Amino acid sequence: MLLEFQFQNYKSFLEETSFSMMAAPKQKGLDYSLFNTKKHGKDIKGLCSSVIYGPNAAGKTTVIGAMDTFRSII
């Protein structure tokens, strides 16, 4: 499962950009949508789903395109 995706210099994103699927430390009320696992002795809480939203021409499709390009390379 993808927990964090970072990319840079892709289309309109010159600087490094990060998309995280990790739950915020103080996140409350989303226990039904979290998965818990251990990695290297640390408890990790990941989100089962996420939403990308924002105004028109903000780069939402570019983030999805970067993930798709990564998937096609792998």
C-alpha atoms as a PDB file:
ATOM      1  CA  MET A   1       0.000   0.000   0.000  1.00  0.00           C
ATOM      2  CA  LEU A   2       1.167   3.481  -0.855  1.00  0.00           C
ATOM      3  CA  LEU A   3       1.784   5.555   2.278  1.00  0.00           C
ATOM      4  CA  GLU A   4       3.637   8.530   0.820  1.00  0.00           C
ATOM      5  CA  PHE A   5       4.279   9.682  -2.739  1.00  0.00           C
ATOM      6  CA  GLN A   6       6.862  12.373  -3.518  1.00  0.00           C
ATOM      7  CA  PHE A   7       7.712  13.862  -6.887  1.00  0.00           C
ATOM      8  CA  GLN A   8       9.388  16.918  -8.341  1.00  0.00           C
ATOM      9  CA  ASN A   9       9.999  18.496 -11.745  1.00  0.00           C
ATOM     10  CA  TYR A  10       6.858  16.938 -13.223  1.00  0.00           C
ATOM     11  CA  LYS A  11       4.821  19.210 -15.518  1.00  0.00           C
ATOM     12  CA  SER A  12       3.908  22.325 -13.482  1.00  0.00           C
ATOM     13  CA  PHE A  13       5.465  21.091 -10.188  1.00  0.00           C
ATOM     14  CA  LEU A  14       9.086  22.199 -10.111  1.00  0.00           C
ATOM     15  CA  GLU A  15       9.576  21.895  -6.338  1.00  0.00           C
ATOM     16  CA  GLU A  16       9.282  18.612  -4.433  1.00  0.00           C
ATOM     17  CA  THR A  17       5.659  17.754  -3.677  1.00  0.00           C
ATOM     18  CA  SER A  18       4.429  15.131  -1.238  1.00  0.00           C
ATOM     19  CA  PHE A  19       1.115  13.262  -1.040  1.00  0.00           C
ATOM     20  CA  SER A  20       0.797  11.441   2.289  1.00  0.00           C
ATOM     21  CA  MET A  21      -1.654   8.695   3.251  1.00  0.00           C
ATOM     22  CA  MET A  22      -0.551   8.757   6.896  1.00  0.00           C
ATOM     23  CA  ALA A  23      -3.108   9.756   9.502  1.00  0.00           C
ATOM     24  CA  ALA A  24      -2.423  12.950  11.419  1.00  0.00           C
ATOM     25  CA  PRO A  25      -1.296  12.263  15.009  1.00  0.00           C
ATOM     26  CA  LYS A  26      -4.320  14.035  16.510  1.00  0.00           C
ATOM     27  CA  GLN A  27      -6.856  12.673  14.007  1.00  0.00           C
ATOM     28  CA  LYS A  28     -10.092  11.684  15.756  1.00  0.00           C
ATOM     29  CA  GLY A  29     -13.213   9.873  14.585  1.00  0.00           C
ATOM     30  CA  LEU A  30     -11.709   8.012  11.636  1.00  0.00           C
ATOM     31  CA  ASP A  31     -10.984   4.701  13.344  1.00  0.00           C
ATOM     32  CA  TYR A  32     -13.184   2.890  10.819  1.00  0.00           C
ATOM     33  CA  SER A  33     -11.013   4.204   7.954  1.00  0.00           C
ATOM     34  CA  LEU A  34      -7.553   3.473   9.387  1.00  0.00           C
ATOM     35  CA  PHE A  35      -5.337   0.461   9.100  1.00  0.00           C
ATOM     36  CA  ASN A  36      -2.736  -0.214  11.765  1.00  0.00           C
ATOM     37  CA  THR A  37       0.520  -2.032  11.129  1.00  0.00           C
ATOM     38  CA  LYS A  38       4.012  -2.223  12.586  1.00  0.00           C
ATOM     39  CA  LYS A  39       7.158  -1.446  10.644  1.00  0.00           C
ATOM     40  CA  HIS A  40      10.579  -1.545  12.267  1.00  0.00           C
ATOM     41  CA  GLY A  41       8.910  -1.641  15.682  1.00  0.00           C
ATOM     42  CA  LYS A  42       6.853   1.519  15.099  1.00  0.00           C
ATOM     43  CA  ASP A  43       3.060   1.628  14.935  1.00  0.00           C
ATOM     44  CA  ILE A  44       1.914   3.074  11.625  1.00  0.00           C
ATOM     45  CA  LYS A  45      -1.605   4.382  11.018  1.00  0.00           C
ATOM     46  CA  GLY A  46      -2.489   4.717   7.359  1.00  0.00           C
ATOM     47  CA  LEU A  47      -5.615   5.995   5.667  1.00  0.00           C
ATOM     48  CA  CYS A  48      -7.648   3.548   3.574  1.00  0.00           C
ATOM     49  CA  SER A  49      -8.811   6.321   1.214  1.00  0.00           C
ATOM     50  CA  SER A  50      -8.115   9.945   0.450  1.00  0.00           C
ATOM     51  CA  VAL A  51      -9.563  12.850  -1.540  1.00  0.00           C
ATOM     52  CA  ILE A  52      -7.721  15.441  -3.624  1.00  0.00           C
ATOM     53  CA  TYR A  53      -9.652  18.705  -3.905  1.00  0.00           C
ATOM     54  CA  GLY A  54      -8.964  22.324  -4.763  1.00  0.00           C
ATOM     55  CA  PRO A  55      -9.739  25.092  -7.235  1.00  0.00           C
ATOM     56  CA  ASN A  56      -9.559  24.708 -10.999  1.00  0.00           C
ATOM     57  CA  ALA A  57      -6.010  24.623 -12.439  1.00  0.00           C
ATOM     58  CA  ALA A  58      -4.473  23.850  -9.029  1.00  0.00           C
ATOM     59  CA  GLY A  59      -2.733  20.650 -10.162  1.00  0.00           C
ATOM     60  CA  LYS A  60      -5.067  17.878  -8.992  1.00  0.00           C
ATOM     61  CA  THR A  61      -4.848  16.047 -12.326  1.00  0.00           C
ATOM     62  CA  THR A  62      -1.084  16.534 -12.410  1.00  0.00           C
ATOM     63  CA  VAL A  63      -0.707  14.713  -9.071  1.00  0.00           C
ATOM     64  CA  ILE A  64      -2.755  11.793 -10.423  1.00  0.00           C
ATOM     65  CA  GLY A  65      -0.706  11.899 -13.657  1.00  0.00           C
ATOM     66  CA  ALA A  66       2.546  11.702 -11.687  1.00  0.00           C
ATOM     67  CA  MET A  67       1.241   8.642  -9.827  1.00  0.00           C
ATOM     68  CA  ASP A  68       0.169   7.039 -13.104  1.00  0.00           C
ATOM     69  CA  THR A  69       3.591   7.698 -14.664  1.00  0.00           C
ATOM     70  CA  PHE A  70       5.287   6.163 -11.637  1.00  0.00           C
ATOM     71  CA  ARG A  71       3.016   3.119 -11.867  1.00  0.00           C
ATOM     72  CA  SER A  72       3.821   2.649 -15.572  1.00  0.00           C
ATOM     73  CA  ILE A  73       7.569   2.863 -14.872  1.00  0.00           C
ATOM     74  CA  ILE A  74       7.372   0.307 -12.070  1.00  0.00           C
END
